[in-house]
């Protein structure tokens, strides 16, 4: 342990923030591809910006097999408090797509979507990760397409993936 009093004072000042910090997401995003994942988190919250209260939703996924098995990553859905009804926010669309996949039926009510998401911990889905580049800024965005809900346990999903990988090409 350091004897530097100033250093220890800074660390003490970080204690409260550290106790509530989400350590599950290390900023990892898998490369483009299709992944079987378990939903291991579903966080929600609000953030004021320019005097408007906005909402956010952040599901966390755990990759079940392959090169990135055991790695977790998140998706982030930003839901602005004010928007043009003719241009609904992309975060809302992605939230509804995710919960529609989980529910096995179309979800169009955001409140219902949050209820489905809150019950999603321990559920399994197949998703596709892909990247797009903004034309104006050139910024690269990581996107997720939710393909289907899986009904197997973690062990069954991993075993199935291993069996598929072992099938010889014809």
Protein backbone atom coordinates (compact mmCIF):
# COMPACT_ATOMS: atom_id res chain seq x y z
CA UNK A 1 0.00 0.00 0.00
CA UNK A 2 1.23 3.48 -0.81
CA UNK A 3 2.35 5.82 1.95
CA UNK A 4 1.58 8.84 -0.27
CA UNK A 5 -1.19 10.71 1.61
CA UNK A 6 -2.28 12.70 -1.46
CA UNK A 7 -2.59 9.53 -3.52
CA UNK A 8 -4.64 7.81 -0.80
CA UNK A 9 -6.89 10.87 -0.52
CA UNK A 10 -7.65 10.71 -4.25
CA UNK A 11 -8.43 7.00 -3.97
CA UNK A 12 -10.75 7.64 -1.00
CA UNK A 13 -12.58 10.23 -3.09
CA UNK A 14 -13.17 7.59 -5.78
CA UNK A 15 -14.67 5.03 -3.39
CA UNK A 16 -18.32 6.08 -3.76
CA UNK A 17 -18.16 6.20 -7.55
CA UNK A 18 -16.38 2.84 -7.70
CA UNK A 19 -19.00 1.13 -5.53
CA UNK A 20 -21.78 1.78 -8.05
CA UNK A 21 -19.72 1.34 -11.22
CA UNK A 22 -20.79 -1.27 -13.78
CA UNK A 23 -17.73 -3.46 -14.33
CA UNK A 24 -19.39 -5.89 -16.74
CA UNK A 25 -18.64 -3.87 -19.87
CA UNK A 26 -14.99 -3.33 -20.65
CA UNK A 27 -15.75 -1.63 -23.97
CA UNK A 28 -15.34 -4.90 -25.87
CA UNK A 29 -17.38 -5.27 -29.04
CA UNK A 30 -17.01 -8.51 -30.98
CA UNK A 31 -16.03 -8.41 -34.64
CA UNK A 32 -18.74 -8.57 -37.26
CA UNK A 33 -20.44 -11.95 -37.19
CA UNK A 34 -23.27 -14.02 -35.75
CA UNK A 35 -23.19 -14.96 -32.06
CA UNK A 36 -25.27 -17.04 -29.66
CA UNK A 37 -25.46 -15.02 -26.45
CA UNK A 38 -27.08 -15.03 -23.04
CA UNK A 39 -28.76 -11.85 -21.80
CA UNK A 40 -26.95 -11.22 -18.50
CA UNK A 41 -28.01 -7.63 -17.82
CA UNK A 42 -30.71 -5.13 -18.64
CA UNK A 43 -30.08 -1.68 -17.21
CA UNK A 44 -32.20 1.44 -17.67
CA UNK A 45 -31.90 5.02 -16.61
CA UNK A 46 -32.36 8.68 -17.44
CA UNK A 47 -29.97 11.47 -18.29
CA UNK A 48 -30.87 15.14 -18.56
CA UNK A 49 -29.48 17.00 -21.57
CA UNK A 50 -30.25 20.58 -22.53
CA UNK A 51 -33.10 20.68 -19.99
CA UNK A 52 -34.76 17.55 -21.43
CA UNK A 53 -34.92 14.24 -19.59
CA UNK A 54 -33.81 11.43 -21.89
CA UNK A 55 -33.87 7.69 -21.23
CA UNK A 56 -31.39 4.95 -22.00
CA UNK A 57 -31.51 1.17 -22.06
CA UNK A 58 -28.44 -1.07 -21.98
CA UNK A 59 -28.73 -4.85 -22.32
CA UNK A 60 -25.56 -6.85 -21.63
CA UNK A 61 -24.76 -10.03 -23.55
CA UNK A 62 -22.39 -12.92 -22.79
CA UNK A 63 -20.97 -14.81 -25.79
CA UNK A 64 -21.54 -18.52 -25.29
CA UNK A 65 -19.06 -20.16 -27.65
CA UNK A 66 -16.32 -19.70 -30.19
CA UNK A 67 -13.21 -17.54 -30.06
CA UNK A 68 -14.88 -14.92 -27.84
CA UNK A 69 -16.63 -17.31 -25.43
CA UNK A 70 -17.05 -15.72 -22.01
CA UNK A 71 -16.67 -12.14 -23.28
CA UNK A 72 -19.50 -9.74 -22.50
CA UNK A 73 -20.59 -6.67 -24.42
CA UNK A 74 -23.43 -4.21 -24.29
CA UNK A 75 -25.81 -2.53 -26.64
CA UNK A 76 -26.97 1.00 -25.92
CA UNK A 77 -30.39 2.36 -26.86
CA UNK A 78 -30.73 6.16 -26.46
CA UNK A 79 -34.33 7.35 -26.13
CA UNK A 80 -34.57 11.14 -26.41
CA UNK A 81 -37.31 12.76 -24.34
CA UNK A 82 -38.31 14.97 -27.29
CA UNK A 83 -38.25 13.93 -30.94
CA UNK A 84 -40.07 14.47 -34.22
CA UNK A 85 -42.88 11.88 -34.48
CA UNK A 86 -42.06 11.49 -38.18
CA UNK A 87 -38.48 10.51 -37.26
CA UNK A 88 -38.67 8.13 -34.28
CA UNK A 89 -35.31 7.57 -32.59
CA UNK A 90 -33.19 4.63 -33.75
CA UNK A 91 -32.74 3.59 -30.10
CA UNK A 92 -36.49 3.07 -29.82
CA UNK A 93 -36.51 0.95 -32.96
CA UNK A 94 -33.61 -1.19 -31.71
CA UNK A 95 -35.28 -1.63 -28.28
CA UNK A 96 -38.51 -2.79 -29.92
CA UNK A 97 -36.61 -5.15 -32.26
CA UNK A 98 -34.75 -6.69 -29.31
CA UNK A 99 -37.86 -7.22 -27.21
CA UNK A 100 -39.88 -8.46 -30.20
CA UNK A 101 -37.20 -11.12 -30.70
CA UNK A 102 -37.40 -12.09 -27.01
CA UNK A 103 -41.20 -12.13 -26.83
CA UNK A 104 -41.71 -14.02 -30.08
CA UNK A 105 -44.37 -11.49 -31.03
CA UNK A 106 -44.37 -7.90 -32.18
CA UNK A 107 -43.82 -5.39 -29.37
CA UNK A 108 -44.71 -1.79 -30.23
CA UNK A 109 -45.28 -0.34 -26.77
CA UNK A 110 -42.06 0.95 -25.14
CA UNK A 111 -43.38 0.34 -21.62
CA UNK A 112 -44.19 -3.26 -22.52
CA UNK A 113 -40.74 -3.52 -24.14
CA UNK A 114 -39.08 -2.55 -20.86
CA UNK A 115 -41.14 -5.17 -19.01
CA UNK A 116 -40.01 -7.83 -21.52
CA UNK A 117 -36.41 -6.64 -21.22
CA UNK A 118 -36.50 -6.75 -17.42
CA UNK A 119 -37.55 -10.41 -17.63
CA UNK A 120 -34.86 -11.25 -20.22
CA UNK A 121 -32.02 -12.07 -17.83
CA UNK A 122 -31.02 -15.67 -18.50
CA UNK A 123 -32.63 -15.75 -21.96
CA UNK A 124 -30.63 -16.73 -25.05
CA UNK A 125 -30.64 -15.09 -28.47
CA UNK A 126 -28.74 -15.30 -31.71
CA UNK A 127 -27.63 -11.89 -32.88
CA UNK A 128 -25.57 -10.41 -35.66
CA UNK A 129 -22.98 -7.72 -35.03
CA UNK A 130 -22.16 -5.43 -37.94
CA UNK A 131 -20.65 -1.99 -38.43
CA UNK A 132 -21.77 1.02 -40.40
CA UNK A 133 -19.93 4.25 -41.14
CA UNK A 134 -21.61 7.67 -40.93
CA UNK A 135 -21.36 9.49 -44.26
CA UNK A 136 -20.80 12.94 -42.75
CA UNK A 137 -18.46 12.25 -39.84
CA UNK A 138 -16.90 8.95 -40.88
CA UNK A 139 -17.61 7.60 -37.38
CA UNK A 140 -17.96 3.82 -37.24
CA UNK A 141 -20.98 2.49 -35.35
CA UNK A 142 -21.38 -1.03 -33.96
CA UNK A 143 -24.89 -2.31 -34.67
CA UNK A 144 -26.77 -5.39 -33.56
CA UNK A 145 -29.50 -7.27 -35.40
CA UNK A 146 -31.51 -9.69 -33.27
CA UNK A 147 -32.15 -12.83 -35.30
CA UNK A 148 -33.95 -15.27 -33.00
CA UNK A 149 -34.57 -16.34 -29.43
CA UNK A 150 -32.96 -19.62 -28.42
CA UNK A 151 -34.67 -22.05 -26.07
CA UNK A 152 -31.65 -24.11 -24.99
CA UNK A 153 -29.53 -23.90 -21.87
CA UNK A 154 -26.02 -22.44 -22.03
CA UNK A 155 -24.50 -25.94 -22.10
CA UNK A 156 -26.84 -27.07 -24.91
CA UNK A 157 -26.08 -23.97 -26.99
CA UNK A 158 -22.32 -24.43 -26.55
CA UNK A 159 -22.53 -28.18 -27.27
CA UNK A 160 -24.61 -27.55 -30.40
CA UNK A 161 -22.10 -24.96 -31.63
CA UNK A 162 -19.26 -27.43 -31.06
CA UNK A 163 -21.15 -30.16 -32.92
CA UNK A 164 -21.80 -27.86 -35.85
CA UNK A 165 -18.11 -26.92 -35.95
CA UNK A 166 -17.16 -30.63 -36.02
CA UNK A 167 -19.36 -31.56 -39.00
CA UNK A 168 -17.03 -32.19 -41.97
CA UNK A 169 -17.62 -30.13 -45.08
CA UNK A 170 -19.07 -32.09 -47.97
